[in-house]
Amino acid sequence: MVKQVGEALGLEVAVRGKLERLRGTLSKLAGRGWPRKLPDGRFTTRL
């Protein structure tokens, strides 16, 4: 989940605006094939 990624990166996860920006970045990277976006909206690594 984006919140877990934000925690791992040391971002302030209580502020929703910071997570929305991270969600957009993860979606762009998923489009390039780096992480994989699951149908329920979670992200996972490519195996």
PDB file of N, CA and C in Angstrom:
ATOM      1  N   MET A   1       0.833  -1.180   0.000  1.00  0.00           N
ATOM      2  CA  MET A   1       0.000   0.000   0.000  1.00  0.00           C
ATOM      3  C   MET A   1       0.878   1.242   0.000  1.00  0.00           C
ATOM      4  N   VAL A   2       0.344   2.308  -0.479  1.00  0.00           N
ATOM      5  CA  VAL A   2       1.100   3.558  -0.591  1.00  0.00           C
ATOM      6  C   VAL A   2       1.551   4.026   0.795  1.00  0.00           C
ATOM      7  N   LYS A   3       0.718   3.820   1.800  1.00  0.00           N
ATOM      8  CA  LYS A   3       1.075   4.233   3.153  1.00  0.00           C
ATOM      9  C   LYS A   3       2.319   3.483   3.642  1.00  0.00           C
ATOM     10  N   GLN A   4       2.412   2.203   3.344  1.00  0.00           N
ATOM     11  CA  GLN A   4       3.575   1.419   3.748  1.00  0.00           C
ATOM     12  C   GLN A   4       4.834   1.877   3.016  1.00  0.00           C
ATOM     13  N   VAL A   5       4.713   2.209   1.751  1.00  0.00           N
ATOM     14  CA  VAL A   5       5.854   2.712   0.986  1.00  0.00           C
ATOM     15  C   VAL A   5       6.300   4.055   1.558  1.00  0.00           C
ATOM     16  N   GLY A   6       5.342   4.907   1.899  1.00  0.00           N
ATOM     17  CA  GLY A   6       5.663   6.198   2.489  1.00  0.00           C
ATOM     18  C   GLY A   6       6.385   6.057   3.820  1.00  0.00           C
ATOM     19  N   GLU A   7       5.941   5.107   4.630  1.00  0.00           N
ATOM     20  CA  GLU A   7       6.612   4.862   5.913  1.00  0.00           C
ATOM     21  C   GLU A   7       8.047   4.390   5.687  1.00  0.00           C
ATOM     22  N   ALA A   8       8.229   3.509   4.706  1.00  0.00           N
ATOM     23  CA  ALA A   8       9.569   2.992   4.418  1.00  0.00           C
ATOM     24  C   ALA A   8      10.501   4.096   3.907  1.00  0.00           C
ATOM     25  N   LEU A   9       9.938   5.078   3.214  1.00  0.00           N
ATOM     26  CA  LEU A   9      10.737   6.189   2.694  1.00  0.00           C
ATOM     27  C   LEU A   9      10.920   7.305   3.715  1.00  0.00           C
ATOM     28  N   GLY A  10      10.250   7.198   4.849  1.00  0.00           N
ATOM     29  CA  GLY A  10      10.385   8.199   5.893  1.00  0.00           C
ATOM     30  C   GLY A  10       9.522   9.429   5.689  1.00  0.00           C
ATOM     31  N   LEU A  11       8.456   9.301   4.885  1.00  0.00           N
ATOM     32  CA  LEU A  11       7.560  10.434   4.677  1.00  0.00           C
ATOM     33  C   LEU A  11       6.552  10.526   5.808  1.00  0.00           C
ATOM     34  N   GLU A  12       5.960  11.692   5.945  1.00  0.00           N
ATOM     35  CA  GLU A  12       4.935  11.908   6.959  1.00  0.00           C
ATOM     36  C   GLU A  12       3.618  11.346   6.412  1.00  0.00           C
ATOM     37  N   VAL A  13       3.233  10.166   6.873  1.00  0.00           N
ATOM     38  CA  VAL A  13       2.073   9.483   6.301  1.00  0.00           C
ATOM     39  C   VAL A  13       0.750  10.004   6.847  1.00  0.00           C
ATOM     40  N   ALA A  14       0.792  10.807   7.897  1.00  0.00           N
ATOM     41  CA  ALA A  14      -0.443  11.369   8.439  1.00  0.00           C
ATOM     42  C   ALA A  14      -0.998  12.470   7.531  1.00  0.00           C
ATOM     43  N   VAL A  15      -0.156  13.057   6.707  1.00  0.00           N
ATOM     44  CA  VAL A  15      -0.583  14.116   5.785  1.00  0.00           C
ATOM     45  C   VAL A  15      -0.982  13.470   4.460  1.00  0.00           C
ATOM     46  N   ARG A  16      -2.268  13.526   4.152  1.00  0.00           N
ATOM     47  CA  ARG A  16      -2.789  12.853   2.972  1.00  0.00           C
ATOM     48  C   ARG A  16      -2.195  13.386   1.666  1.00  0.00           C
ATOM     49  N   GLY A  17      -1.909  14.666   1.602  1.00  0.00           N
ATOM     50  CA  GLY A  17      -1.361  15.277   0.392  1.00  0.00           C
ATOM     51  C   GLY A  17      -0.023  14.689  -0.009  1.00  0.00           C
ATOM     52  N   LYS A  18       0.781  14.330   0.942  1.00  0.00           N
ATOM     53  CA  LYS A  18       2.084  13.732   0.636  1.00  0.00           C
ATOM     54  C   LYS A  18       1.908  12.336   0.063  1.00  0.00           C
ATOM     55  N   LEU A  19       0.899  11.621   0.520  1.00  0.00           N
ATOM     56  CA  LEU A  19       0.659  10.269   0.007  1.00  0.00           C
ATOM     57  C   LEU A  19       0.081  10.301  -1.404  1.00  0.00           C
ATOM     58  N   GLU A  20      -0.731  11.302  -1.708  1.00  0.00           N
ATOM     59  CA  GLU A  20      -1.305  11.391  -3.051  1.00  0.00           C
ATOM     60  C   GLU A  20      -0.225  11.629  -4.096  1.00  0.00           C
ATOM     61  N   ARG A  21       0.761  12.427  -3.755  1.00  0.00           N
ATOM     62  CA  ARG A  21       1.875  12.661  -4.683  1.00  0.00           C
ATOM     63  C   ARG A  21       2.663  11.370  -4.893  1.00  0.00           C
ATOM     64  N   LEU A  22       2.879  10.622  -3.811  1.00  0.00           N
ATOM     65  CA  LEU A  22       3.587   9.349  -3.898  1.00  0.00           C
ATOM     66  C   LEU A  22       2.783   8.345  -4.717  1.00  0.00           C
ATOM     67  N   ARG A  23       1.456   8.350  -4.552  1.00  0.00           N
ATOM     68  CA  ARG A  23       0.598   7.452  -5.321  1.00  0.00           C
ATOM     69  C   ARG A  23       0.726   7.719  -6.822  1.00  0.00           C
ATOM     70  N   GLY A  24       0.799   8.989  -7.190  1.00  0.00           N
ATOM     71  CA  GLY A  24       0.971   9.349  -8.592  1.00  0.00           C
ATOM     72  C   GLY A  24       2.310   8.886  -9.134  1.00  0.00           C
ATOM     73  N   THR A  25       3.345   9.047  -8.330  1.00  0.00           N
ATOM     74  CA  THR A  25       4.678   8.603  -8.743  1.00  0.00           C
ATOM     75  C   THR A  25       4.717   7.091  -8.925  1.00  0.00           C
ATOM     76  N   LEU A  26       4.112   6.368  -7.989  1.00  0.00           N
ATOM     77  CA  LEU A  26       4.082   4.906  -8.108  1.00  0.00           C
ATOM     78  C   LEU A  26       3.273   4.455  -9.326  1.00  0.00           C
ATOM     79  N   SER A  27       2.205   5.169  -9.635  1.00  0.00           N
ATOM     80  CA  SER A  27       1.407   4.825 -10.817  1.00  0.00           C
ATOM     81  C   SER A  27       2.205   5.035 -12.101  1.00  0.00           C
ATOM     82  N   LYS A  28       2.979   6.124 -12.157  1.00  0.00           N
ATOM     83  CA  LYS A  28       3.827   6.356 -13.332  1.00  0.00           C
ATOM     84  C   LYS A  28       4.869   5.257 -13.477  1.00  0.00           C
ATOM     85  N   LEU A  29       5.488   4.882 -12.357  1.00  0.00           N
ATOM     86  CA  LEU A  29       6.489   3.819 -12.400  1.00  0.00           C
ATOM     87  C   LEU A  29       5.854   2.480 -12.784  1.00  0.00           C
ATOM     88  N   ALA A  30       4.628   2.245 -12.347  1.00  0.00           N
ATOM     89  CA  ALA A  30       3.937   1.008 -12.713  1.00  0.00           C
ATOM     90  C   ALA A  30       3.663   0.971 -14.219  1.00  0.00           C
ATOM     91  N   GLY A  31       3.405   2.126 -14.792  1.00  0.00           N
ATOM     92  CA  GLY A  31       3.216   2.206 -16.235  1.00  0.00           C
ATOM     93  C   GLY A  31       4.475   1.855 -17.005  1.00  0.00           C
ATOM     94  N   ARG A  32       5.617   2.096 -16.387  1.00  0.00           N
ATOM     95  CA  ARG A  32       6.900   1.769 -17.009  1.00  0.00           C
ATOM     96  C   ARG A  32       7.356   0.354 -16.685  1.00  0.00           C
ATOM     97  N   GLY A  33       6.599  -0.321 -15.815  1.00  0.00           N
ATOM     98  CA  GLY A  33       6.895  -1.713 -15.520  1.00  0.00           C
ATOM     99  C   GLY A  33       7.789  -1.965 -14.325  1.00  0.00           C
ATOM    100  N   TRP A  34       8.050  -0.947 -13.502  1.00  0.00           N
ATOM    101  CA  TRP A  34       8.926  -1.150 -12.334  1.00  0.00           C
ATOM    102  C   TRP A  34       8.164  -1.872 -11.244  1.00  0.00           C
ATOM    103  N   PRO A  35       7.226  -1.226 -10.539  1.00  0.00           N
ATOM    104  CA  PRO A  35       6.379  -2.016  -9.632  1.00  0.00           C
ATOM    105  C   PRO A  35       5.162  -2.501 -10.412  1.00  0.00           C
ATOM    106  N   ARG A  36       4.411  -3.383  -9.827  1.00  0.00           N
ATOM    107  CA  ARG A  36       3.189  -3.875 -10.466  1.00  0.00           C
ATOM    108  C   ARG A  36       2.009  -3.371  -9.647  1.00  0.00           C
ATOM    109  N   LYS A  37       1.006  -2.835 -10.318  1.00  0.00           N
ATOM    110  CA  LYS A  37      -0.186  -2.353  -9.627  1.00  0.00           C
ATOM    111  C   LYS A  37      -1.249  -3.438  -9.703  1.00  0.00           C
ATOM    112  N   LEU A  38      -1.710  -3.863  -8.553  1.00  0.00           N
ATOM    113  CA  LEU A  38      -2.735  -4.895  -8.472  1.00  0.00           C
ATOM    114  C   LEU A  38      -4.114  -4.273  -8.679  1.00  0.00           C
ATOM    115  N   PRO A  39      -5.111  -5.078  -9.072  1.00  0.00           N
ATOM    116  CA  PRO A  39      -6.450  -4.532  -9.310  1.00  0.00           C
ATOM    117  C   PRO A  39      -7.076  -3.831  -8.095  1.00  0.00           C
ATOM    118  N   ASP A  40      -6.680  -4.213  -6.886  1.00  0.00           N
ATOM    119  CA  ASP A  40      -7.243  -3.571  -5.700  1.00  0.00           C
ATOM    120  C   ASP A  40      -6.517  -2.279  -5.319  1.00  0.00           C
ATOM    121  N   GLY A  41      -5.556  -1.834  -6.140  1.00  0.00           N
ATOM    122  CA  GLY A  41      -4.879  -0.563  -5.922  1.00  0.00           C
ATOM    123  C   GLY A  41      -3.558  -0.659  -5.185  1.00  0.00           C
ATOM    124  N   ARG A  42      -3.179  -1.849  -4.732  1.00  0.00           N
ATOM    125  CA  ARG A  42      -1.908  -2.012  -4.031  1.00  0.00           C
ATOM    126  C   ARG A  42      -0.800  -2.176  -5.059  1.00  0.00           C
ATOM    127  N   PHE A  43       0.410  -1.912  -4.623  1.00  0.00           N
ATOM    128  CA  PHE A  43       1.586  -2.061  -5.469  1.00  0.00           C
ATOM    129  C   PHE A  43       2.452  -3.182  -4.946  1.00  0.00           C
ATOM    130  N   THR A  44       3.121  -3.894  -5.837  1.00  0.00           N
ATOM    131  CA  THR A  44       4.027  -4.961  -5.447  1.00  0.00           C
ATOM    132  C   THR A  44       5.230  -4.948  -6.387  1.00  0.00           C
ATOM    133  N   THR A  45       6.283  -5.614  -5.981  1.00  0.00           N
ATOM    134  CA  THR A  45       7.467  -5.670  -6.829  1.00  0.00           C
ATOM    135  C   THR A  45       7.242  -6.645  -7.978  1.00  0.00           C
ATOM    136  N   ARG A  46       7.959  -6.436  -9.049  1.00  0.00           N
ATOM    137  CA  ARG A  46       7.900  -7.357 -10.184  1.00  0.00           C
ATOM    138  C   ARG A  46       8.744  -8.565  -9.878  1.00  0.00           C
ATOM    139  N   LEU A  47       8.233  -9.737 -10.124  1.00  0.00           N
ATOM    140  CA  LEU A  47       9.005 -10.961  -9.916  1.00  0.00           C
ATOM    141  C   LEU A  47       9.267 -11.639 -11.229  1.00  0.00           C
TER     142      LEU A  47
END
